[in-house]
């Protein structure tokens, strides 16, 4: 697994957090969304994550559905549920990742701590309104449950990063193996298929 593949996976995780905050004007990652707060993922709070208006299917009902078969409404509900799981990712967590990426980019000229501080000191801006659509998951045969298990593990990885972390040693979490196999394009079109 290449470093770029893992970085692509981590950035997907952060992008999904932003997608789930499409109605929020505050700090992405520091406050929850209106979706369900269930973090168990596999059917505990199935009926409470905002999918009641799409023909009667609820969040739990979507767990066995393939991502490529989701409607636009179901895709957004899936992203909202993922974003709710990521609500405890802080700005500092995200900025540590940004610092690591900057330090690993030769042209940046910044070390991790400097880039992290610059990121933290940047004023908060309202999150851009981005919606998840069925097209985002087109052709993906992984299930919603598999995708949520993968993103939960991504968020745990992001929270564990510090400026002392070694990006070269990062590997795709085991929970993402099945999603990577079925939908490598989710982790970046430029790095798909680069399995060890």
N, C-alpha and C. Protein backbone atom coordinates (compact mmCIF):
# COMPACT_ATOMS: atom_id res chain seq x y z
N UNK A 1 0.85 -1.19 0.00
CA UNK A 1 0.00 0.00 0.00
C UNK A 1 0.89 1.24 0.00
N UNK A 2 0.67 2.13 -0.97
CA UNK A 2 1.49 3.33 -1.04
C UNK A 2 1.00 4.39 -0.05
N UNK A 3 1.93 5.32 0.27
CA UNK A 3 1.56 6.40 1.17
C UNK A 3 0.44 7.23 0.57
N UNK A 4 0.50 7.49 -0.74
CA UNK A 4 -0.53 8.31 -1.38
C UNK A 4 -1.89 7.64 -1.29
N UNK A 5 -1.92 6.33 -1.36
CA UNK A 5 -3.19 5.61 -1.25
C UNK A 5 -3.81 5.86 0.12
N UNK A 6 -2.98 5.77 1.17
CA UNK A 6 -3.49 5.98 2.53
C UNK A 6 -3.90 7.43 2.74
N UNK A 7 -3.10 8.37 2.22
CA UNK A 7 -3.47 9.77 2.35
C UNK A 7 -4.78 10.06 1.64
N UNK A 8 -4.96 9.44 0.48
CA UNK A 8 -6.22 9.60 -0.23
C UNK A 8 -7.38 9.10 0.61
N UNK A 9 -7.18 7.98 1.28
CA UNK A 9 -8.22 7.41 2.15
C UNK A 9 -8.54 8.36 3.30
N UNK A 10 -7.51 8.94 3.92
CA UNK A 10 -7.73 9.86 5.04
C UNK A 10 -8.45 11.12 4.58
N UNK A 11 -8.09 11.61 3.42
CA UNK A 11 -8.75 12.82 2.91
C UNK A 11 -10.21 12.54 2.57
N UNK A 12 -10.51 11.33 2.11
CA UNK A 12 -11.91 10.95 1.89
C UNK A 12 -12.68 11.04 3.20
N UNK A 13 -12.04 10.57 4.27
CA UNK A 13 -12.69 10.63 5.59
C UNK A 13 -13.02 12.05 5.98
N UNK A 14 -12.07 12.98 5.80
CA UNK A 14 -12.31 14.37 6.15
C UNK A 14 -13.34 15.01 5.23
N UNK A 15 -13.33 14.64 3.95
CA UNK A 15 -14.30 15.20 3.02
C UNK A 15 -15.71 14.78 3.39
N UNK A 16 -15.86 13.56 3.85
CA UNK A 16 -17.18 13.08 4.25
C UNK A 16 -17.70 13.84 5.46
N UNK A 17 -16.79 14.23 6.36
CA UNK A 17 -17.21 15.04 7.50
C UNK A 17 -17.80 16.34 6.99
N UNK A 18 -17.13 16.96 6.02
CA UNK A 18 -17.61 18.23 5.48
C UNK A 18 -18.95 18.04 4.77
N UNK A 19 -19.10 16.96 4.03
CA UNK A 19 -20.35 16.72 3.32
C UNK A 19 -21.52 16.59 4.28
N UNK A 20 -21.28 16.02 5.44
CA UNK A 20 -22.36 15.84 6.39
C UNK A 20 -22.74 17.11 7.10
N UNK A 21 -21.92 18.16 7.01
CA UNK A 21 -22.19 19.41 7.70
C UNK A 21 -22.82 20.44 6.77
N UNK A 22 -23.55 19.99 5.72
CA UNK A 22 -23.99 20.91 4.70
C UNK A 22 -24.93 21.99 5.19
N UNK A 23 -25.53 21.84 6.36
CA UNK A 23 -26.40 22.90 6.84
C UNK A 23 -25.79 23.69 7.98
N UNK A 24 -24.62 23.39 8.38
CA UNK A 24 -24.03 23.99 9.56
C UNK A 24 -23.22 25.22 9.20
N UNK A 25 -23.27 26.25 10.04
CA UNK A 25 -22.47 27.44 9.84
C UNK A 25 -21.31 27.49 10.84
N UNK A 26 -21.21 26.52 11.70
CA UNK A 26 -20.23 26.57 12.78
C UNK A 26 -18.94 25.87 12.45
N UNK A 27 -18.41 25.15 13.42
CA UNK A 27 -17.12 24.51 13.27
C UNK A 27 -17.29 23.06 12.86
N UNK A 28 -16.91 22.71 11.64
CA UNK A 28 -17.02 21.32 11.24
C UNK A 28 -16.20 20.44 12.16
N UNK A 29 -16.80 19.36 12.60
CA UNK A 29 -16.05 18.42 13.42
C UNK A 29 -16.18 18.67 14.90
N UNK A 30 -16.64 19.87 15.31
CA UNK A 30 -16.71 20.13 16.73
C UNK A 30 -18.13 20.04 17.25
N UNK A 31 -19.10 19.94 16.35
CA UNK A 31 -20.47 19.80 16.81
C UNK A 31 -21.15 18.76 15.95
N UNK A 32 -22.09 18.07 16.53
CA UNK A 32 -22.75 16.99 15.83
C UNK A 32 -23.72 17.54 14.78
N UNK A 33 -24.19 16.67 13.91
CA UNK A 33 -25.21 17.06 12.96
C UNK A 33 -26.55 16.63 13.52
N UNK A 34 -27.59 16.89 12.73
CA UNK A 34 -28.91 16.54 13.20
C UNK A 34 -29.20 15.06 12.99
N UNK A 35 -28.26 14.33 12.49
CA UNK A 35 -28.45 12.90 12.28
C UNK A 35 -28.39 12.16 13.61
N UNK A 36 -28.60 10.88 13.56
CA UNK A 36 -28.59 10.11 14.80
C UNK A 36 -27.19 10.10 15.38
N UNK A 37 -27.11 9.97 16.69
CA UNK A 37 -25.80 9.97 17.34
C UNK A 37 -25.28 8.57 17.56
N UNK A 38 -25.89 7.58 16.95
CA UNK A 38 -25.45 6.20 17.15
C UNK A 38 -24.08 5.98 16.57
N UNK A 39 -23.16 5.51 17.36
CA UNK A 39 -21.81 5.27 16.85
C UNK A 39 -21.53 3.78 16.70
N UNK A 40 -22.48 2.94 17.09
CA UNK A 40 -22.26 1.51 16.94
C UNK A 40 -22.30 1.11 15.49
N UNK A 41 -23.10 1.80 14.69
CA UNK A 41 -23.03 1.62 13.25
C UNK A 41 -23.89 0.53 12.68
N UNK A 42 -24.03 -0.61 13.32
CA UNK A 42 -24.67 -1.73 12.66
C UNK A 42 -26.10 -1.95 13.12
N UNK A 43 -26.92 -0.92 13.04
CA UNK A 43 -28.35 -1.13 13.19
C UNK A 43 -28.92 -0.73 14.52
N UNK A 44 -28.14 -0.14 15.43
CA UNK A 44 -28.68 0.23 16.73
C UNK A 44 -29.77 1.28 16.62
N UNK A 45 -29.49 2.37 15.92
CA UNK A 45 -30.44 3.47 15.85
C UNK A 45 -30.94 3.65 14.42
N UNK A 46 -31.24 2.56 13.75
CA UNK A 46 -31.49 2.60 12.31
C UNK A 46 -32.49 3.61 11.84
N UNK A 47 -33.57 3.85 12.59
CA UNK A 47 -34.62 4.66 12.04
C UNK A 47 -34.48 6.14 12.30
N UNK A 48 -33.36 6.62 12.82
CA UNK A 48 -33.29 8.01 13.25
C UNK A 48 -32.30 8.84 12.47
N UNK A 49 -31.80 8.39 11.33
CA UNK A 49 -30.80 9.22 10.66
C UNK A 49 -31.30 9.87 9.39
N UNK A 50 -32.52 10.32 9.42
CA UNK A 50 -32.97 11.26 8.40
C UNK A 50 -33.37 10.65 7.09
N UNK A 51 -33.69 9.36 7.06
CA UNK A 51 -34.01 8.75 5.77
C UNK A 51 -35.48 8.38 5.66
N UNK A 52 -36.31 8.88 6.56
CA UNK A 52 -37.70 8.46 6.57
C UNK A 52 -38.47 8.86 5.33
N UNK A 53 -38.02 9.89 4.59
CA UNK A 53 -38.79 10.36 3.47
C UNK A 53 -38.44 9.72 2.16
N UNK A 54 -37.72 8.61 2.14
CA UNK A 54 -37.29 8.04 0.86
C UNK A 54 -37.95 6.70 0.60
N UNK A 55 -39.26 6.65 0.84
CA UNK A 55 -39.95 5.40 0.54
C UNK A 55 -39.99 4.48 1.72
N UNK A 56 -39.67 4.97 2.91
CA UNK A 56 -39.82 4.16 4.11
C UNK A 56 -38.57 3.48 4.58
N UNK A 57 -37.46 3.55 3.81
CA UNK A 57 -36.25 2.89 4.27
C UNK A 57 -35.58 3.72 5.35
N UNK A 58 -35.03 3.06 6.34
CA UNK A 58 -34.34 3.75 7.41
C UNK A 58 -32.86 3.45 7.34
N UNK A 59 -32.09 4.09 8.22
CA UNK A 59 -30.64 3.90 8.22
C UNK A 59 -30.25 2.45 8.39
N UNK A 60 -30.90 1.76 9.32
CA UNK A 60 -30.59 0.35 9.53
C UNK A 60 -30.91 -0.49 8.32
N UNK A 61 -32.00 -0.13 7.61
CA UNK A 61 -32.38 -0.87 6.42
C UNK A 61 -31.35 -0.73 5.31
N UNK A 62 -30.60 0.36 5.34
CA UNK A 62 -29.62 0.61 4.29
C UNK A 62 -28.33 -0.18 4.48
N UNK A 63 -28.08 -0.70 5.67
CA UNK A 63 -26.79 -1.32 5.97
C UNK A 63 -26.41 -2.43 5.00
N UNK A 64 -27.39 -3.19 4.53
CA UNK A 64 -27.10 -4.31 3.63
C UNK A 64 -27.15 -3.92 2.15
N UNK A 65 -27.46 -2.67 1.88
CA UNK A 65 -27.57 -2.21 0.50
C UNK A 65 -26.21 -1.82 -0.05
N UNK A 66 -25.95 -2.13 -1.31
CA UNK A 66 -24.69 -1.75 -1.93
C UNK A 66 -24.68 -0.25 -2.20
N UNK A 67 -23.51 0.36 -2.01
CA UNK A 67 -23.39 1.81 -2.21
C UNK A 67 -23.80 2.23 -3.61
N UNK A 68 -23.47 1.41 -4.59
CA UNK A 68 -23.80 1.75 -5.97
C UNK A 68 -25.27 1.70 -6.28
N UNK A 69 -26.08 1.14 -5.38
CA UNK A 69 -27.52 1.04 -5.58
C UNK A 69 -28.29 2.12 -4.83
N UNK A 70 -27.60 3.01 -4.14
CA UNK A 70 -28.28 4.03 -3.34
C UNK A 70 -28.90 5.11 -4.23
N UNK A 71 -30.04 5.63 -3.79
CA UNK A 71 -30.61 6.82 -4.41
C UNK A 71 -29.87 8.04 -3.88
N UNK A 72 -30.13 9.21 -4.45
CA UNK A 72 -29.49 10.43 -3.96
C UNK A 72 -29.83 10.65 -2.48
N UNK A 73 -31.08 10.42 -2.11
CA UNK A 73 -31.50 10.63 -0.72
C UNK A 73 -30.80 9.65 0.22
N UNK A 74 -30.67 8.41 -0.22
CA UNK A 74 -30.00 7.40 0.60
C UNK A 74 -28.51 7.67 0.71
N UNK A 75 -27.90 8.16 -0.38
CA UNK A 75 -26.48 8.51 -0.34
C UNK A 75 -26.25 9.63 0.66
N UNK A 76 -27.12 10.65 0.66
CA UNK A 76 -26.97 11.75 1.60
C UNK A 76 -27.18 11.27 3.03
N UNK A 77 -28.16 10.39 3.24
CA UNK A 77 -28.40 9.86 4.58
C UNK A 77 -27.20 9.07 5.08
N UNK A 78 -26.55 8.32 4.18
CA UNK A 78 -25.36 7.56 4.54
C UNK A 78 -24.23 8.51 4.94
N UNK A 79 -24.03 9.58 4.15
CA UNK A 79 -22.98 10.55 4.48
C UNK A 79 -23.29 11.28 5.78
N UNK A 80 -24.57 11.58 6.02
CA UNK A 80 -24.95 12.23 7.27
C UNK A 80 -24.64 11.34 8.47
N UNK A 81 -24.91 10.04 8.34
CA UNK A 81 -24.63 9.11 9.43
C UNK A 81 -23.14 9.00 9.68
N UNK A 82 -22.35 8.98 8.60
CA UNK A 82 -20.90 8.93 8.73
C UNK A 82 -20.38 10.20 9.41
N UNK A 83 -20.92 11.35 9.00
CA UNK A 83 -20.49 12.62 9.60
C UNK A 83 -20.83 12.67 11.08
N UNK A 84 -21.97 12.11 11.46
CA UNK A 84 -22.34 12.08 12.88
C UNK A 84 -21.33 11.26 13.67
N UNK A 85 -20.83 10.18 13.08
CA UNK A 85 -19.82 9.36 13.75
C UNK A 85 -18.50 10.10 13.90
N UNK A 86 -18.28 11.10 13.04
CA UNK A 86 -17.01 11.84 13.05
C UNK A 86 -17.10 13.13 13.85
N UNK A 87 -18.19 13.33 14.57
CA UNK A 87 -18.41 14.62 15.23
C UNK A 87 -17.34 14.95 16.26
N UNK A 88 -16.61 13.95 16.75
CA UNK A 88 -15.60 14.25 17.77
C UNK A 88 -14.21 14.47 17.19
N UNK A 89 -14.10 14.53 15.85
CA UNK A 89 -12.82 14.93 15.24
C UNK A 89 -12.70 16.44 15.40
N UNK A 90 -11.67 16.89 16.10
CA UNK A 90 -11.50 18.31 16.38
C UNK A 90 -10.72 19.00 15.27
N UNK A 91 -10.70 20.33 15.33
CA UNK A 91 -9.88 21.09 14.38
C UNK A 91 -8.42 20.72 14.56
N UNK A 92 -8.00 20.49 15.80
CA UNK A 92 -6.60 20.11 16.04
C UNK A 92 -6.28 18.78 15.36
N UNK A 93 -7.21 17.81 15.44
CA UNK A 93 -6.99 16.52 14.77
C UNK A 93 -6.79 16.74 13.27
N UNK A 94 -7.68 17.52 12.67
CA UNK A 94 -7.59 17.76 11.23
C UNK A 94 -6.32 18.52 10.87
N UNK A 95 -5.93 19.46 11.73
CA UNK A 95 -4.73 20.25 11.44
C UNK A 95 -3.45 19.44 11.63
N UNK A 96 -3.47 18.45 12.51
CA UNK A 96 -2.30 17.57 12.61
C UNK A 96 -2.12 16.78 11.32
N UNK A 97 -3.22 16.32 10.74
CA UNK A 97 -3.13 15.64 9.45
C UNK A 97 -2.61 16.60 8.39
N UNK A 98 -3.14 17.83 8.37
CA UNK A 98 -2.67 18.83 7.40
C UNK A 98 -1.18 19.11 7.59
N UNK A 99 -0.73 19.16 8.85
CA UNK A 99 0.68 19.39 9.13
C UNK A 99 1.56 18.26 8.64
N UNK A 100 1.11 17.04 8.84
CA UNK A 100 1.87 15.88 8.37
C UNK A 100 1.98 15.89 6.85
N UNK A 101 0.88 16.23 6.19
CA UNK A 101 0.90 16.26 4.73
C UNK A 101 1.82 17.37 4.23
N UNK A 102 1.75 18.54 4.88
CA UNK A 102 2.63 19.65 4.48
C UNK A 102 4.10 19.26 4.67
N UNK A 103 4.41 18.62 5.79
CA UNK A 103 5.79 18.24 6.06
C UNK A 103 6.30 17.20 5.06
N UNK A 104 5.38 16.40 4.54
CA UNK A 104 5.76 15.37 3.57
C UNK A 104 5.81 15.89 2.14
N UNK A 105 5.40 17.16 1.97
CA UNK A 105 5.39 17.78 0.63
C UNK A 105 6.63 18.66 0.50
N UNK A 106 7.59 18.26 -0.32
CA UNK A 106 8.86 19.00 -0.40
C UNK A 106 8.70 20.49 -0.70
N UNK A 107 7.72 20.85 -1.52
CA UNK A 107 7.57 22.25 -1.93
C UNK A 107 6.98 23.14 -0.84
N UNK A 108 6.43 22.54 0.23
CA UNK A 108 5.77 23.37 1.25
C UNK A 108 6.77 24.16 2.09
N UNK A 109 7.93 23.58 2.35
CA UNK A 109 8.92 24.25 3.17
C UNK A 109 8.54 24.36 4.63
N UNK A 110 7.52 23.61 5.07
CA UNK A 110 7.04 23.70 6.44
C UNK A 110 7.26 22.38 7.17
N UNK A 111 7.58 22.49 8.47
CA UNK A 111 7.56 21.28 9.28
C UNK A 111 6.14 21.08 9.80
N UNK A 112 5.88 19.94 10.39
CA UNK A 112 4.52 19.60 10.80
C UNK A 112 3.96 20.58 11.82
N UNK A 113 4.75 20.91 12.85
CA UNK A 113 4.24 21.77 13.92
C UNK A 113 3.89 23.16 13.40
N UNK A 114 4.73 23.70 12.51
CA UNK A 114 4.46 25.03 11.95
C UNK A 114 3.18 25.01 11.11
N UNK A 115 3.06 24.00 10.25
CA UNK A 115 1.87 23.90 9.40
C UNK A 115 0.62 23.67 10.25
N UNK A 116 0.76 22.88 11.30
CA UNK A 116 -0.37 22.63 12.20
C UNK A 116 -0.83 23.92 12.86
N UNK A 117 0.10 24.72 13.36
CA UNK A 117 -0.24 25.97 14.03
C UNK A 117 -0.89 26.95 13.05
N UNK A 118 -0.36 27.02 11.83
CA UNK A 118 -0.97 27.89 10.83
C UNK A 118 -2.41 27.47 10.56
N UNK A 119 -2.62 26.18 10.46
CA UNK A 119 -3.96 25.64 10.22
C UNK A 119 -4.90 25.98 11.37
N UNK A 120 -4.44 25.79 12.60
CA UNK A 120 -5.27 26.06 13.78
C UNK A 120 -5.62 27.54 13.87
N UNK A 121 -4.67 28.41 13.49
CA UNK A 121 -4.88 29.85 13.61
C UNK A 121 -5.71 30.44 12.48
N UNK A 122 -5.98 29.66 11.45
CA UNK A 122 -6.81 30.17 10.37
C UNK A 122 -8.23 30.36 10.88
N UNK A 123 -8.89 31.47 10.50
CA UNK A 123 -10.26 31.69 10.97
C UNK A 123 -11.21 30.62 10.46
N UNK A 124 -12.20 30.32 11.28
CA UNK A 124 -13.21 29.34 10.87
C UNK A 124 -14.03 29.91 9.73
N UNK A 125 -14.26 29.10 8.73
CA UNK A 125 -15.12 29.52 7.63
C UNK A 125 -16.30 28.57 7.57
N UNK A 126 -17.46 29.08 7.17
CA UNK A 126 -18.60 28.18 7.02
C UNK A 126 -18.27 27.06 6.05
N UNK A 127 -18.68 25.86 6.41
CA UNK A 127 -18.42 24.73 5.52
C UNK A 127 -19.16 24.92 4.21
N UNK A 128 -18.49 24.60 3.10
CA UNK A 128 -19.16 24.68 1.81
C UNK A 128 -20.27 23.64 1.78
N UNK A 129 -21.36 24.04 1.15
CA UNK A 129 -22.50 23.12 1.09
C UNK A 129 -22.26 22.11 0.00
N UNK A 130 -21.89 20.91 0.41
CA UNK A 130 -21.66 19.83 -0.53
C UNK A 130 -22.60 18.70 -0.19
N UNK A 131 -23.22 18.15 -1.20
CA UNK A 131 -24.16 17.06 -0.97
C UNK A 131 -23.60 15.76 -1.51
N UNK A 132 -23.86 14.69 -0.82
CA UNK A 132 -23.54 13.37 -1.35
C UNK A 132 -24.65 12.97 -2.31
N UNK A 133 -24.28 12.40 -3.44
CA UNK A 133 -25.27 11.93 -4.40
C UNK A 133 -24.97 10.48 -4.76
N UNK A 134 -25.91 9.86 -5.42
CA UNK A 134 -25.72 8.48 -5.86
C UNK A 134 -24.49 8.37 -6.76
N UNK A 135 -24.21 9.42 -7.53
CA UNK A 135 -23.07 9.40 -8.45
C UNK A 135 -21.75 9.23 -7.71
N UNK A 136 -21.68 9.72 -6.47
CA UNK A 136 -20.45 9.59 -5.69
C UNK A 136 -20.08 8.14 -5.43
N UNK A 137 -21.08 7.26 -5.44
CA UNK A 137 -20.85 5.85 -5.13
C UNK A 137 -21.09 4.95 -6.34
N UNK A 138 -21.21 5.51 -7.51
CA UNK A 138 -21.55 4.75 -8.71
C UNK A 138 -20.60 3.57 -8.91
N UNK A 139 -21.18 2.41 -9.12
CA UNK A 139 -20.39 1.21 -9.41
C UNK A 139 -19.79 0.53 -8.21
N UNK A 140 -19.97 1.08 -7.01
CA UNK A 140 -19.36 0.51 -5.81
C UNK A 140 -20.24 -0.61 -5.26
N UNK A 141 -19.67 -1.78 -5.07
CA UNK A 141 -20.43 -2.94 -4.60
C UNK A 141 -20.30 -3.18 -3.11
N UNK A 142 -19.52 -2.36 -2.40
CA UNK A 142 -19.44 -2.49 -0.94
C UNK A 142 -20.79 -2.09 -0.34
N UNK A 143 -21.14 -2.68 0.79
CA UNK A 143 -22.39 -2.33 1.44
C UNK A 143 -22.22 -1.07 2.29
N UNK A 144 -23.35 -0.49 2.66
CA UNK A 144 -23.33 0.68 3.53
C UNK A 144 -22.65 0.33 4.86
N UNK A 145 -22.95 -0.86 5.40
CA UNK A 145 -22.35 -1.27 6.67
C UNK A 145 -20.83 -1.39 6.55
N UNK A 146 -20.36 -1.96 5.44
CA UNK A 146 -18.91 -2.08 5.22
C UNK A 146 -18.27 -0.70 5.11
N UNK A 147 -18.95 0.20 4.42
CA UNK A 147 -18.44 1.55 4.25
C UNK A 147 -18.36 2.28 5.59
N UNK A 148 -19.40 2.14 6.42
CA UNK A 148 -19.40 2.81 7.72
C UNK A 148 -18.32 2.25 8.64
N UNK A 149 -18.09 0.93 8.58
CA UNK A 149 -17.02 0.35 9.40
C UNK A 149 -15.67 0.90 8.96
N UNK A 150 -15.49 1.09 7.66
CA UNK A 150 -14.23 1.63 7.13
C UNK A 150 -14.05 3.08 7.56
N UNK A 151 -15.10 3.90 7.41
CA UNK A 151 -14.94 5.30 7.76
C UNK A 151 -14.75 5.48 9.27
N UNK A 152 -15.41 4.66 10.08
CA UNK A 152 -15.18 4.73 11.53
C UNK A 152 -13.71 4.48 11.85
N UNK A 153 -13.11 3.51 11.15
CA UNK A 153 -11.69 3.21 11.41
C UNK A 153 -10.80 4.34 10.89
N UNK A 154 -11.21 5.01 9.81
CA UNK A 154 -10.45 6.16 9.32
C UNK A 154 -10.46 7.28 10.35
N UNK A 155 -11.62 7.54 10.93
CA UNK A 155 -11.72 8.61 11.91
C UNK A 155 -10.86 8.31 13.13
N UNK A 156 -10.83 7.05 13.55
CA UNK A 156 -9.98 6.66 14.67
C UNK A 156 -8.51 6.89 14.33
N UNK A 157 -8.14 6.60 13.08
CA UNK A 157 -6.76 6.81 12.65
C UNK A 157 -6.42 8.30 12.66
N UNK A 158 -7.34 9.14 12.15
CA UNK A 158 -7.10 10.59 12.13
C UNK A 158 -6.90 11.11 13.54
N UNK A 159 -7.75 10.67 14.47
CA UNK A 159 -7.65 11.15 15.85
C UNK A 159 -6.35 10.71 16.51
N UNK A 160 -5.78 9.58 16.08
CA UNK A 160 -4.56 9.07 16.69
C UNK A 160 -3.30 9.73 16.15
N UNK A 161 -3.40 10.45 15.03
CA UNK A 161 -2.22 11.06 14.43
C UNK A 161 -1.68 12.22 15.27
N UNK A 162 -0.36 12.34 15.31
CA UNK A 162 0.31 13.49 15.89
C UNK A 162 1.44 13.88 14.93
N UNK A 163 2.10 14.98 15.22
CA UNK A 163 3.23 15.38 14.37
C UNK A 163 4.40 14.41 14.48
N UNK A 164 4.34 13.51 15.44
CA UNK A 164 5.37 12.47 15.56
C UNK A 164 5.04 11.23 14.73
N UNK A 165 3.85 11.19 14.15
CA UNK A 165 3.44 10.02 13.36
C UNK A 165 4.27 9.92 12.09
N UNK A 166 4.44 8.70 11.63
CA UNK A 166 5.21 8.44 10.42
C UNK A 166 4.25 8.06 9.30
N UNK A 167 4.06 8.99 8.36
CA UNK A 167 3.13 8.71 7.26
C UNK A 167 3.57 7.50 6.44
N UNK A 168 4.87 7.28 6.38
CA UNK A 168 5.36 6.16 5.58
C UNK A 168 4.89 4.82 6.14
N UNK A 169 4.62 4.78 7.45
CA UNK A 169 4.24 3.50 8.06
C UNK A 169 2.73 3.31 8.14
N UNK A 170 1.96 4.33 7.73
CA UNK A 170 0.51 4.19 7.78
C UNK A 170 0.03 3.14 6.79
N UNK A 171 -0.93 2.38 7.20
CA UNK A 171 -1.53 1.39 6.33
C UNK A 171 -3.04 1.53 6.38
N UNK A 172 -3.68 1.08 5.31
CA UNK A 172 -5.13 1.09 5.27
C UNK A 172 -5.66 0.24 6.42
N UNK A 173 -6.61 0.76 7.21
CA UNK A 173 -7.15 -0.06 8.30
C UNK A 173 -7.77 -1.34 7.75
N UNK A 174 -7.67 -2.44 8.50
CA UNK A 174 -8.23 -3.71 8.02
C UNK A 174 -9.70 -3.61 7.66
N UNK A 175 -10.42 -2.75 8.38
CA UNK A 175 -11.86 -2.60 8.09
C UNK A 175 -12.12 -2.03 6.70
N UNK A 176 -11.09 -1.41 6.10
CA UNK A 176 -11.25 -0.81 4.77
C UNK A 176 -10.84 -1.75 3.64
N UNK A 177 -10.28 -2.90 3.98
CA UNK A 177 -9.80 -3.81 2.93
C UNK A 177 -10.90 -4.19 1.94
N UNK A 178 -12.07 -4.54 2.47
CA UNK A 178 -13.15 -4.99 1.58
C UNK A 178 -13.66 -3.83 0.72
N UNK A 179 -13.71 -2.62 1.29
CA UNK A 179 -14.16 -1.46 0.51
C UNK A 179 -13.12 -1.11 -0.54
N UNK A 180 -11.85 -1.17 -0.18
CA UNK A 180 -10.78 -0.89 -1.13
C UNK A 180 -10.81 -1.89 -2.29
N UNK A 181 -11.11 -3.14 -1.97
CA UNK A 181 -11.15 -4.18 -3.01
C UNK A 181 -12.33 -3.97 -3.95
N UNK A 182 -13.49 -3.63 -3.37
CA UNK A 182 -14.70 -3.50 -4.18
C UNK A 182 -14.82 -2.12 -4.85
N UNK A 183 -14.26 -1.09 -4.21
CA UNK A 183 -14.45 0.29 -4.69
C UNK A 183 -13.17 1.10 -4.55
N UNK A 184 -12.07 0.72 -5.22
CA UNK A 184 -10.80 1.44 -5.04
C UNK A 184 -10.89 2.91 -5.42
N UNK A 185 -11.86 3.25 -6.28
CA UNK A 185 -11.98 4.65 -6.71
C UNK A 185 -12.39 5.57 -5.58
N UNK A 186 -12.97 5.04 -4.51
CA UNK A 186 -13.35 5.88 -3.38
C UNK A 186 -12.13 6.49 -2.69
N UNK A 187 -10.98 5.84 -2.81
CA UNK A 187 -9.78 6.31 -2.14
C UNK A 187 -8.88 7.11 -3.07
N UNK A 188 -9.42 7.55 -4.18
CA UNK A 188 -8.66 8.40 -5.09
C UNK A 188 -8.39 7.71 -6.41
N UNK A 189 -8.83 8.31 -7.52
CA UNK A 189 -8.67 7.70 -8.83
C UNK A 189 -7.22 7.55 -9.26
N UNK A 190 -6.34 8.38 -8.71
CA UNK A 190 -4.93 8.33 -9.15
C UNK A 190 -4.15 7.24 -8.46
N UNK A 191 -4.74 6.63 -7.42
CA UNK A 191 -3.97 5.65 -6.65
C UNK A 191 -4.63 4.29 -6.60
N UNK A 192 -5.73 4.13 -7.33
CA UNK A 192 -6.43 2.85 -7.26
C UNK A 192 -5.57 1.74 -7.82
N UNK A 193 -5.78 0.54 -7.29
CA UNK A 193 -5.11 -0.64 -7.80
C UNK A 193 -3.69 -0.82 -7.38
N UNK A 194 -3.20 -0.01 -6.44
CA UNK A 194 -1.81 -0.13 -6.03
C UNK A 194 -1.70 -0.99 -4.80
N UNK A 195 -2.19 -2.19 -4.91
CA UNK A 195 -2.11 -3.13 -3.80
C UNK A 195 -0.70 -3.69 -3.68
N UNK A 196 -0.27 -4.04 -2.48
CA UNK A 196 1.07 -4.62 -2.34
C UNK A 196 1.15 -5.95 -3.03
